Amino acid sequence: MNLHKRECPISFRFVPYGWGWEDVYLTVEGTTELFVVTGTHVPGSVDELFSAVAGLHPRYCNCGYLFSVYVDIDDNGNPVETKFWWDGEGVESEWTFSRPPTADVDVPIEVKITEKHGETDTGESASFSVAYKDLCYAVAKGMTEVMKKHGLFGYGNAVWNHDLNLRLLLMLKAFALDAEDVLKVEDLGRGNGERTDFKKELELILFDM
């Protein structure tokens, strides 16, 4: 595979500091926002973010994402919006991703994040626009870095067994790095299932972004 690192206009940093808690830092145009995720609630993991971003791809929007992630698909089968929320025990954040109703992949994504402090708070909103491949790159880069620092078992133990969904991470890296050939499925014939190239999948998962 011909994989290349590149600059990205936004970034995510994930910090699983233990006892079921995880900090998520999002940086857009030099401004960093902190979001808290707690493993004591369901939903309550970065898999919601993975699912919401992967679900924006027009060819993979029906790949069986988490029940806690809302995916809106138009009459032509194109995704137009995904949504999820995180509970930070006192602070809730709702994330909404909107895209044009088209089969094109690298379109602008409108991101809106609303935080609420308590049930009576109307919430504070932040919004920005980012190209889809850049959004995939930022999420996948942040999780690749935390995975290599903490390991799969170490990460899961810190966030109280909210395991990383490696299939979703693989998809996001493939979208971001123009490596969708890795997702090509070979049909082995009736009764024999399907197959992808495990070595190429591992190469992509381990690639530093």
Protein backbone atom coordinates (compact mmCIF):
# COMPACT_ATOMS: atom_id res chain seq x y z
CA MET A 1 0.00 0.00 0.00
CA ASN A 2 1.12 3.53 -0.73
CA LEU A 3 0.23 5.29 2.53
CA HIS A 4 1.25 8.86 3.36
CA LYS A 5 0.95 11.12 6.39
CA ARG A 6 -0.44 14.59 5.80
CA GLU A 7 -1.48 17.74 7.58
CA CYS A 8 -5.04 18.02 8.84
CA PRO A 9 -6.98 21.19 9.77
CA ILE A 10 -8.54 19.61 12.87
CA SER A 11 -7.32 17.13 15.46
CA PHE A 12 -8.63 14.79 18.14
CA ARG A 13 -6.72 13.67 21.22
CA PHE A 14 -8.10 10.88 23.40
CA VAL A 15 -6.95 10.53 27.03
CA PRO A 16 -8.21 7.40 28.85
CA TYR A 17 -7.15 8.36 32.36
CA GLY A 18 -8.88 5.54 34.25
CA TRP A 19 -11.86 4.67 36.47
CA GLY A 20 -14.08 4.56 33.36
CA TRP A 21 -13.34 8.15 32.33
CA GLU A 22 -11.92 9.50 29.10
CA ASP A 23 -11.14 13.04 27.96
CA VAL A 24 -11.59 13.95 24.31
CA TYR A 25 -9.81 17.08 23.07
CA LEU A 26 -10.97 18.56 19.77
CA THR A 27 -8.86 21.30 18.18
CA VAL A 28 -10.27 23.43 15.35
CA GLU A 29 -8.39 26.47 14.00
CA GLY A 30 -6.14 26.61 17.06
CA THR A 31 -8.98 26.44 19.61
CA THR A 32 -9.23 23.33 21.78
CA GLU A 33 -12.42 22.08 23.44
CA LEU A 34 -12.61 19.34 26.08
CA PHE A 35 -15.37 16.74 26.19
CA VAL A 36 -15.69 14.17 28.97
CA VAL A 37 -16.89 10.62 28.37
CA THR A 38 -17.67 8.24 31.23
CA GLY A 39 -17.80 4.48 30.92
CA THR A 40 -20.42 4.29 33.69
CA HIS A 41 -23.11 5.11 31.12
CA VAL A 42 -24.23 3.49 27.88
CA PRO A 43 -23.71 5.06 25.43
CA GLY A 44 -20.35 6.17 26.69
CA SER A 45 -17.41 5.41 24.43
CA VAL A 46 -15.54 6.78 21.45
CA ASP A 47 -17.17 4.08 19.34
CA GLU A 48 -20.16 6.42 19.03
CA LEU A 49 -17.85 8.94 17.34
CA PHE A 50 -16.37 6.22 15.09
CA SER A 51 -19.84 5.04 14.09
CA ALA A 52 -21.18 8.52 13.39
CA VAL A 53 -18.23 9.45 11.16
CA ALA A 54 -18.05 6.12 9.31
CA GLY A 55 -21.82 6.25 8.78
CA LEU A 56 -21.39 9.38 6.63
CA HIS A 57 -19.74 7.39 3.83
CA PRO A 58 -22.28 6.81 1.03
CA ARG A 59 -21.04 3.27 0.28
CA TYR A 60 -20.80 2.14 3.89
CA CYS A 61 -23.71 3.86 5.62
CA ASN A 62 -25.55 0.54 6.13
CA CYS A 63 -22.77 -1.41 7.80
CA GLY A 64 -24.51 -2.12 11.10
CA TYR A 65 -23.38 0.68 13.37
CA LEU A 66 -24.06 1.10 17.07
CA PHE A 67 -27.71 1.26 18.09
CA SER A 68 -26.94 4.45 20.01
CA VAL A 69 -25.95 6.32 16.82
CA TYR A 70 -28.69 7.85 14.68
CA VAL A 71 -28.09 7.57 10.91
CA ASP A 72 -30.49 9.38 8.53
CA ILE A 73 -30.46 8.07 4.95
CA ASP A 74 -32.39 9.69 2.07
CA ASP A 75 -34.61 7.91 -0.48
CA ASN A 76 -31.60 7.33 -2.75
CA GLY A 77 -29.63 5.56 -0.04
CA ASN A 78 -27.29 8.48 0.68
CA PRO A 79 -26.50 9.46 4.29
CA VAL A 80 -27.49 13.01 5.18
CA GLU A 81 -27.02 13.12 8.97
CA THR A 82 -25.59 11.13 11.87
CA LYS A 83 -25.97 11.94 15.55
CA PHE A 84 -24.94 10.68 18.98
CA TRP A 85 -24.55 11.95 22.54
CA TRP A 86 -22.05 11.48 25.35
CA ASP A 87 -22.79 11.60 29.07
CA GLY A 88 -20.09 13.13 31.24
CA GLU A 89 -22.01 12.87 34.53
CA GLY A 90 -23.34 16.40 34.75
CA VAL A 91 -22.36 17.52 31.27
CA GLU A 92 -23.97 16.03 28.17
CA SER A 93 -22.73 16.68 24.64
CA GLU A 94 -24.74 16.02 21.50
CA TRP A 95 -22.84 15.68 18.23
CA THR A 96 -24.54 16.15 14.85
CA PHE A 97 -22.84 15.60 11.48
CA SER A 98 -24.64 16.75 8.32
CA ARG A 99 -23.63 16.26 4.68
CA PRO A 100 -25.09 16.95 1.22
CA PRO A 101 -27.43 14.23 -0.15
CA THR A 102 -25.03 12.95 -2.80
CA ALA A 103 -23.04 9.81 -3.59
CA ASP A 104 -19.81 11.86 -3.60
CA VAL A 105 -17.44 10.91 -0.78
CA ASP A 106 -15.21 13.88 0.05
CA VAL A 107 -17.87 16.50 0.68
CA PRO A 108 -17.97 19.21 3.36
CA ILE A 109 -19.33 17.97 6.68
CA GLU A 110 -21.17 20.41 8.93
CA VAL A 111 -20.42 19.56 12.56
CA LYS A 112 -22.53 20.89 15.42
CA ILE A 113 -21.79 20.12 19.08
CA THR A 114 -24.16 21.15 21.86
CA GLU A 115 -23.20 20.88 25.54
CA LYS A 116 -25.74 20.91 28.35
CA HIS A 117 -24.96 21.35 32.04
CA GLY A 118 -27.96 19.82 33.80
CA GLU A 119 -31.52 19.22 32.64
CA THR A 120 -32.59 22.90 32.68
CA ASP A 121 -29.64 24.19 30.62
CA THR A 122 -30.53 25.05 27.01
CA GLY A 123 -26.98 24.26 25.97
CA GLU A 124 -24.04 25.98 24.32
CA SER A 125 -23.34 25.15 20.69
CA ALA A 126 -20.22 25.15 18.56
CA SER A 127 -20.12 24.43 14.85
CA PHE A 128 -17.60 24.14 12.05
CA SER A 129 -17.21 22.68 8.56
CA VAL A 130 -14.56 20.15 7.53
CA ALA A 131 -13.94 17.92 4.51
CA TYR A 132 -15.03 14.33 5.11
CA LYS A 133 -11.58 12.79 4.55
CA ASP A 134 -10.06 15.31 6.97
CA LEU A 135 -12.65 14.38 9.61
CA CYS A 136 -11.84 10.69 9.13
CA TYR A 137 -8.11 11.44 9.29
CA ALA A 138 -8.36 13.40 12.54
CA VAL A 139 -10.44 10.76 14.34
CA ALA A 140 -8.33 7.85 13.10
CA LYS A 141 -5.02 9.60 13.88
CA GLY A 142 -6.09 10.37 17.44
CA MET A 143 -7.18 6.82 18.12
CA THR A 144 -4.11 5.27 16.47
CA GLU A 145 -1.94 7.32 18.82
CA VAL A 146 -3.85 6.32 21.96
CA MET A 147 -3.96 2.67 20.87
CA LYS A 148 -0.18 2.57 20.42
CA LYS A 149 0.38 4.31 23.77
CA HIS A 150 -2.05 2.31 25.93
CA GLY A 151 -2.61 -0.94 24.03
CA LEU A 152 -5.96 -2.60 23.43
CA PHE A 153 -6.30 -4.27 26.83
CA GLY A 154 -4.85 -1.26 28.67
CA TYR A 155 -7.26 1.11 26.96
CA GLY A 156 -10.26 -1.13 27.61
CA ASN A 157 -9.32 -1.53 31.26
CA ALA A 158 -8.99 2.25 31.75
CA VAL A 159 -12.40 3.03 30.26
CA TRP A 160 -14.17 0.11 31.95
CA ASN A 161 -14.28 -2.35 29.07
CA HIS A 162 -15.57 -0.07 26.32
CA ASP A 163 -13.42 -1.85 23.77
CA LEU A 164 -12.12 -0.15 20.65
CA ASN A 165 -13.99 -1.17 17.51
CA LEU A 166 -11.07 -2.04 15.24
CA ARG A 167 -13.33 -2.64 12.23
CA LEU A 168 -14.58 0.95 12.42
CA LEU A 169 -11.06 2.27 12.96
CA LEU A 170 -9.92 0.31 9.91
CA MET A 171 -12.71 1.86 7.84
CA LEU A 172 -11.88 5.41 8.96
CA LYS A 173 -8.19 4.94 8.13
CA ALA A 174 -9.08 3.50 4.73
CA PHE A 175 -11.32 6.51 3.96
CA ALA A 176 -8.73 9.01 5.20
CA LEU A 177 -5.74 7.50 3.40
CA ASP A 178 -7.40 6.56 0.09
CA ALA A 179 -6.91 2.89 0.92
CA GLU A 180 -10.42 1.54 0.41
CA ASP A 181 -9.02 -1.45 -1.48
CA VAL A 182 -8.27 -2.92 1.95
CA LEU A 183 -12.02 -3.12 2.52
CA LYS A 184 -12.59 -5.17 -0.62
CA VAL A 185 -14.38 -8.38 0.29
CA GLU A 186 -13.80 -11.64 -1.58
CA ASP A 187 -16.77 -14.00 -1.82
CA LEU A 188 -15.52 -17.55 -1.15
CA GLY A 189 -18.63 -19.18 -2.52
CA ARG A 190 -21.82 -20.47 -1.04
CA GLY A 191 -21.37 -21.74 2.48
CA ASN A 192 -17.74 -20.60 2.72
CA GLY A 193 -18.20 -16.99 3.82
CA GLU A 194 -16.17 -13.98 2.76
CA ARG A 195 -12.59 -12.83 3.23
CA THR A 196 -10.43 -9.72 3.40
CA ASP A 197 -6.62 -9.47 3.49
CA PHE A 198 -5.69 -9.61 7.20
CA LYS A 199 -2.07 -8.60 6.62
CA LYS A 200 -3.10 -5.46 4.73
CA GLU A 201 -5.66 -4.67 7.42
CA LEU A 202 -2.96 -4.88 10.12
CA GLU A 203 -0.60 -2.74 8.05
CA LEU A 204 -3.27 -0.06 7.80
CA ILE A 205 -4.27 -0.27 11.49
CA LEU A 206 -0.62 0.11 12.58
CA PHE A 207 0.23 2.95 10.17
CA ASP A 208 1.29 6.14 11.99
CA MET A 209 -0.65 9.12 10.72
